[in-house]
Amino acid sequence: MSASLAWTLLVLSGIADVVWAVTTKVSDGYSRLGWTAASVVALVIFLGLLTQALKVLPLGTAYAVWTGIGAVGSVAAGLLLFGEALSAARLAAILVILGGVVALKLLPS
């Protein structure tokens, strides 16, 4: 597998992680069957994609980037879907995370 495909799989895994977080929230403690099933499917997808990406990418870089995608994506989902507040401090924290993710992607392994 090429490095570019591994990075693509990692990004898709990060997006699936955000889907997992959202579906877990709306499953209401896994009491809503449809959302619970969607959560489990998203979990299997993100683990499968992450596993494949880690065959090629360095663990520390890949995991940090994946976590950053999940963190920033979950904050964005909270803002857009659940009306969570965005303060200046939260925005600054998001920008720091994004900066770290970009730096890890661009720096040599």
N, C-alpha and C. Protein backbone atom coordinates (compact mmCIF):
# COMPACT_ATOMS: atom_id res chain seq x y z
N MET A 1 0.86 -1.18 0.00
CA MET A 1 0.00 0.00 0.00
C MET A 1 0.90 1.24 0.00
N SER A 2 0.51 2.23 -0.76
CA SER A 2 1.28 3.46 -0.82
C SER A 2 1.01 4.32 0.41
N ALA A 3 1.95 5.24 0.66
CA ALA A 3 1.78 6.16 1.79
C ALA A 3 0.57 7.06 1.57
N SER A 4 0.31 7.48 0.34
CA SER A 4 -0.83 8.37 0.10
C SER A 4 -2.15 7.63 0.36
N LEU A 5 -2.23 6.36 0.01
CA LEU A 5 -3.43 5.59 0.32
C LEU A 5 -3.58 5.42 1.83
N ALA A 6 -2.47 5.19 2.52
CA ALA A 6 -2.52 5.04 3.98
C ALA A 6 -3.02 6.33 4.63
N TRP A 7 -2.56 7.49 4.14
CA TRP A 7 -3.04 8.77 4.68
C TRP A 7 -4.52 8.95 4.40
N THR A 8 -4.96 8.55 3.22
CA THR A 8 -6.39 8.64 2.88
C THR A 8 -7.21 7.77 3.83
N LEU A 9 -6.74 6.55 4.07
CA LEU A 9 -7.45 5.66 4.99
C LEU A 9 -7.47 6.23 6.40
N LEU A 10 -6.37 6.88 6.80
CA LEU A 10 -6.32 7.48 8.13
C LEU A 10 -7.34 8.60 8.26
N VAL A 11 -7.43 9.45 7.25
CA VAL A 11 -8.42 10.55 7.28
C VAL A 11 -9.84 9.98 7.31
N LEU A 12 -10.10 8.98 6.49
CA LEU A 12 -11.42 8.35 6.50
C LEU A 12 -11.73 7.71 7.85
N SER A 13 -10.71 7.14 8.47
CA SER A 13 -10.88 6.57 9.80
C SER A 13 -11.23 7.65 10.82
N GLY A 14 -10.57 8.80 10.70
CA GLY A 14 -10.87 9.93 11.59
C GLY A 14 -12.30 10.41 11.42
N ILE A 15 -12.76 10.45 10.19
CA ILE A 15 -14.14 10.86 9.92
C ILE A 15 -15.11 9.82 10.50
N ALA A 16 -14.79 8.55 10.31
CA ALA A 16 -15.64 7.49 10.89
C ALA A 16 -15.65 7.56 12.41
N ASP A 17 -14.54 8.00 13.00
CA ASP A 17 -14.48 8.19 14.45
C ASP A 17 -15.47 9.27 14.90
N VAL A 18 -15.55 10.33 14.14
CA VAL A 18 -16.51 11.40 14.45
C VAL A 18 -17.94 10.88 14.32
N VAL A 19 -18.20 10.11 13.27
CA VAL A 19 -19.52 9.50 13.11
C VAL A 19 -19.83 8.60 14.30
N TRP A 20 -18.83 7.83 14.75
CA TRP A 20 -19.01 6.97 15.92
C TRP A 20 -19.38 7.81 17.14
N ALA A 21 -18.66 8.92 17.36
CA ALA A 21 -18.94 9.76 18.53
C ALA A 21 -20.36 10.33 18.48
N VAL A 22 -20.75 10.80 17.31
CA VAL A 22 -22.10 11.39 17.17
C VAL A 22 -23.17 10.32 17.37
N THR A 23 -23.00 9.17 16.73
CA THR A 23 -24.03 8.13 16.86
C THR A 23 -24.07 7.56 18.28
N THR A 24 -22.93 7.54 18.95
CA THR A 24 -22.93 7.10 20.35
C THR A 24 -23.72 8.08 21.20
N LYS A 25 -23.54 9.38 20.95
CA LYS A 25 -24.29 10.39 21.72
C LYS A 25 -25.79 10.24 21.49
N VAL A 26 -26.20 10.15 20.23
CA VAL A 26 -27.63 10.11 19.94
C VAL A 26 -28.25 8.74 20.24
N SER A 27 -27.41 7.75 20.54
CA SER A 27 -27.96 6.44 20.93
C SER A 27 -28.53 6.48 22.34
N ASP A 28 -28.30 7.58 23.05
CA ASP A 28 -28.85 7.78 24.40
C ASP A 28 -28.46 6.63 25.33
N GLY A 29 -27.13 6.47 25.47
CA GLY A 29 -26.64 5.41 26.35
C GLY A 29 -26.89 4.02 25.80
N TYR A 30 -26.87 3.90 24.50
CA TYR A 30 -27.15 2.64 23.79
C TYR A 30 -28.55 2.11 24.09
N SER A 31 -29.48 3.04 24.31
CA SER A 31 -30.87 2.63 24.55
C SER A 31 -31.72 2.73 23.29
N ARG A 32 -31.19 3.31 22.23
CA ARG A 32 -31.92 3.43 20.95
C ARG A 32 -31.25 2.50 19.94
N LEU A 33 -31.94 1.44 19.58
CA LEU A 33 -31.36 0.35 18.83
C LEU A 33 -30.72 0.78 17.50
N GLY A 34 -31.42 1.58 16.72
CA GLY A 34 -30.89 2.00 15.42
C GLY A 34 -29.59 2.77 15.55
N TRP A 35 -29.56 3.73 16.45
CA TRP A 35 -28.36 4.53 16.66
C TRP A 35 -27.24 3.68 17.28
N THR A 36 -27.61 2.73 18.12
CA THR A 36 -26.61 1.83 18.69
C THR A 36 -25.97 1.00 17.58
N ALA A 37 -26.76 0.48 16.68
CA ALA A 37 -26.22 -0.29 15.56
C ALA A 37 -25.32 0.57 14.69
N ALA A 38 -25.75 1.80 14.42
CA ALA A 38 -24.93 2.72 13.62
C ALA A 38 -23.60 2.99 14.32
N SER A 39 -23.64 3.12 15.63
CA SER A 39 -22.43 3.36 16.40
C SER A 39 -21.46 2.19 16.29
N VAL A 40 -21.97 1.00 16.40
CA VAL A 40 -21.12 -0.20 16.30
C VAL A 40 -20.52 -0.31 14.90
N VAL A 41 -21.31 -0.04 13.87
CA VAL A 41 -20.81 -0.08 12.49
C VAL A 41 -19.70 0.96 12.30
N ALA A 42 -19.91 2.18 12.79
CA ALA A 42 -18.89 3.23 12.67
C ALA A 42 -17.61 2.82 13.41
N LEU A 43 -17.76 2.19 14.56
CA LEU A 43 -16.61 1.72 15.33
C LEU A 43 -15.81 0.69 14.55
N VAL A 44 -16.49 -0.27 13.97
CA VAL A 44 -15.81 -1.31 13.18
C VAL A 44 -15.11 -0.68 11.98
N ILE A 45 -15.76 0.28 11.33
CA ILE A 45 -15.16 0.94 10.17
C ILE A 45 -13.92 1.71 10.58
N PHE A 46 -14.01 2.52 11.64
CA PHE A 46 -12.83 3.32 11.98
C PHE A 46 -11.68 2.45 12.45
N LEU A 47 -11.96 1.37 13.16
CA LEU A 47 -10.88 0.48 13.57
C LEU A 47 -10.25 -0.24 12.38
N GLY A 48 -11.08 -0.67 11.45
CA GLY A 48 -10.56 -1.34 10.25
C GLY A 48 -9.68 -0.42 9.42
N LEU A 49 -10.14 0.79 9.19
CA LEU A 49 -9.36 1.75 8.41
C LEU A 49 -8.07 2.14 9.13
N LEU A 50 -8.16 2.38 10.42
CA LEU A 50 -6.98 2.74 11.20
C LEU A 50 -5.95 1.61 11.18
N THR A 51 -6.42 0.39 11.32
CA THR A 51 -5.53 -0.77 11.29
C THR A 51 -4.77 -0.84 9.97
N GLN A 52 -5.46 -0.61 8.88
CA GLN A 52 -4.80 -0.66 7.57
C GLN A 52 -3.79 0.47 7.42
N ALA A 53 -4.15 1.67 7.85
CA ALA A 53 -3.23 2.81 7.74
C ALA A 53 -1.97 2.59 8.55
N LEU A 54 -2.11 1.94 9.71
CA LEU A 54 -0.95 1.72 10.59
C LEU A 54 0.02 0.70 10.03
N LYS A 55 -0.37 -0.03 9.00
CA LYS A 55 0.57 -0.94 8.34
C LYS A 55 1.70 -0.18 7.67
N VAL A 56 1.44 1.08 7.31
CA VAL A 56 2.41 1.88 6.55
C VAL A 56 2.91 3.08 7.34
N LEU A 57 2.01 3.76 8.03
CA LEU A 57 2.36 5.02 8.68
C LEU A 57 3.00 4.79 10.05
N PRO A 58 3.87 5.71 10.47
CA PRO A 58 4.45 5.61 11.81
C PRO A 58 3.35 5.74 12.88
N LEU A 59 3.41 4.91 13.90
CA LEU A 59 2.37 4.86 14.92
C LEU A 59 2.12 6.21 15.57
N GLY A 60 3.17 6.85 16.08
CA GLY A 60 3.00 8.10 16.82
C GLY A 60 2.37 9.19 15.98
N THR A 61 2.85 9.35 14.76
CA THR A 61 2.31 10.38 13.87
C THR A 61 0.87 10.05 13.48
N ALA A 62 0.65 8.81 13.07
CA ALA A 62 -0.69 8.43 12.62
C ALA A 62 -1.71 8.56 13.74
N TYR A 63 -1.36 8.10 14.93
CA TYR A 63 -2.32 8.15 16.03
C TYR A 63 -2.61 9.60 16.43
N ALA A 64 -1.58 10.43 16.46
CA ALA A 64 -1.78 11.84 16.81
C ALA A 64 -2.66 12.54 15.78
N VAL A 65 -2.42 12.29 14.50
CA VAL A 65 -3.24 12.90 13.45
C VAL A 65 -4.67 12.38 13.54
N TRP A 66 -4.83 11.08 13.73
CA TRP A 66 -6.16 10.48 13.84
C TRP A 66 -6.93 11.07 15.03
N THR A 67 -6.25 11.21 16.15
CA THR A 67 -6.87 11.78 17.33
C THR A 67 -7.27 13.24 17.08
N GLY A 68 -6.40 13.98 16.41
CA GLY A 68 -6.71 15.37 16.09
C GLY A 68 -7.93 15.50 15.19
N ILE A 69 -8.01 14.63 14.18
CA ILE A 69 -9.19 14.64 13.30
C ILE A 69 -10.45 14.36 14.12
N GLY A 70 -10.36 13.36 14.98
CA GLY A 70 -11.51 13.02 15.82
C GLY A 70 -11.90 14.13 16.77
N ALA A 71 -10.89 14.76 17.38
CA ALA A 71 -11.17 15.83 18.35
C ALA A 71 -11.79 17.05 17.67
N VAL A 72 -11.17 17.51 16.62
CA VAL A 72 -11.67 18.70 15.93
C VAL A 72 -13.02 18.40 15.26
N GLY A 73 -13.13 17.22 14.67
CA GLY A 73 -14.39 16.84 14.04
C GLY A 73 -15.53 16.71 15.04
N SER A 74 -15.21 16.19 16.22
CA SER A 74 -16.25 16.06 17.25
C SER A 74 -16.67 17.42 17.79
N VAL A 75 -15.74 18.33 17.92
CA VAL A 75 -16.10 19.69 18.34
C VAL A 75 -16.99 20.33 17.28
N ALA A 76 -16.61 20.17 16.01
CA ALA A 76 -17.43 20.74 14.93
C ALA A 76 -18.83 20.12 14.92
N ALA A 77 -18.91 18.80 15.11
CA ALA A 77 -20.22 18.14 15.15
C ALA A 77 -21.04 18.65 16.32
N GLY A 78 -20.39 18.84 17.46
CA GLY A 78 -21.10 19.38 18.62
C GLY A 78 -21.66 20.76 18.36
N LEU A 79 -20.87 21.58 17.67
CA LEU A 79 -21.33 22.93 17.34
C LEU A 79 -22.51 22.88 16.36
N LEU A 80 -22.37 22.09 15.31
CA LEU A 80 -23.36 22.07 14.23
C LEU A 80 -24.62 21.28 14.58
N LEU A 81 -24.45 20.17 15.28
CA LEU A 81 -25.59 19.27 15.50
C LEU A 81 -26.26 19.43 16.86
N PHE A 82 -25.48 19.87 17.85
CA PHE A 82 -26.01 19.90 19.21
C PHE A 82 -26.01 21.28 19.84
N GLY A 83 -25.69 22.29 19.05
CA GLY A 83 -25.77 23.66 19.54
C GLY A 83 -24.78 24.00 20.64
N GLU A 84 -23.65 23.28 20.67
CA GLU A 84 -22.64 23.58 21.69
C GLU A 84 -22.01 24.93 21.40
N ALA A 85 -21.54 25.58 22.44
CA ALA A 85 -20.99 26.93 22.32
C ALA A 85 -19.54 26.90 21.84
N LEU A 86 -19.16 27.94 21.09
CA LEU A 86 -17.77 28.11 20.66
C LEU A 86 -17.26 29.41 21.26
N SER A 87 -16.40 29.28 22.22
CA SER A 87 -15.78 30.46 22.83
C SER A 87 -14.45 30.72 22.15
N ALA A 88 -13.88 31.87 22.44
CA ALA A 88 -12.56 32.20 21.88
C ALA A 88 -11.52 31.19 22.35
N ALA A 89 -11.60 30.76 23.59
CA ALA A 89 -10.64 29.79 24.13
C ALA A 89 -10.77 28.44 23.42
N ARG A 90 -12.00 27.99 23.18
CA ARG A 90 -12.20 26.72 22.46
C ARG A 90 -11.69 26.83 21.03
N LEU A 91 -11.93 27.96 20.38
CA LEU A 91 -11.43 28.17 19.03
C LEU A 91 -9.91 28.14 19.00
N ALA A 92 -9.27 28.79 19.97
CA ALA A 92 -7.81 28.78 20.06
C ALA A 92 -7.29 27.36 20.24
N ALA A 93 -7.95 26.57 21.08
CA ALA A 93 -7.53 25.19 21.31
C ALA A 93 -7.66 24.36 20.03
N ILE A 94 -8.75 24.57 19.30
CA ILE A 94 -8.93 23.86 18.02
C ILE A 94 -7.82 24.22 17.05
N LEU A 95 -7.46 25.50 16.98
CA LEU A 95 -6.40 25.93 16.07
C LEU A 95 -5.06 25.32 16.46
N VAL A 96 -4.80 25.20 17.75
CA VAL A 96 -3.56 24.56 18.21
C VAL A 96 -3.54 23.09 17.78
N ILE A 97 -4.66 22.39 17.96
CA ILE A 97 -4.74 20.99 17.54
C ILE A 97 -4.51 20.87 16.04
N LEU A 98 -5.19 21.71 15.27
CA LEU A 98 -5.02 21.68 13.82
C LEU A 98 -3.58 21.95 13.41
N GLY A 99 -2.94 22.92 14.08
CA GLY A 99 -1.54 23.22 13.79
C GLY A 99 -0.64 22.02 14.06
N GLY A 100 -0.90 21.32 15.15
CA GLY A 100 -0.12 20.13 15.47
C GLY A 100 -0.33 19.02 14.46
N VAL A 101 -1.56 18.82 14.05
CA VAL A 101 -1.86 17.78 13.05
C VAL A 101 -1.16 18.09 11.75
N VAL A 102 -1.23 19.33 11.29
CA VAL A 102 -0.58 19.72 10.04
C VAL A 102 0.93 19.55 10.15
N ALA A 103 1.50 19.97 11.27
CA ALA A 103 2.94 19.84 11.47
C ALA A 103 3.37 18.37 11.45
N LEU A 104 2.63 17.52 12.12
CA LEU A 104 2.98 16.10 12.13
C LEU A 104 2.89 15.49 10.74
N LYS A 105 1.93 15.92 9.96
CA LYS A 105 1.79 15.40 8.60
C LYS A 105 2.94 15.87 7.72
N LEU A 106 3.39 17.10 7.91
CA LEU A 106 4.40 17.67 7.03
C LEU A 106 5.84 17.33 7.42
N LEU A 107 6.06 17.09 8.71
CA LEU A 107 7.41 16.80 9.17
C LEU A 107 7.85 15.41 8.74
N PRO A 108 9.16 15.24 8.50
CA PRO A 108 9.62 13.89 8.16
C PRO A 108 9.44 12.93 9.33
N SER A 109 9.19 11.67 9.02
CA SER A 109 8.97 10.66 10.07
C SER A 109 10.25 10.33 10.80
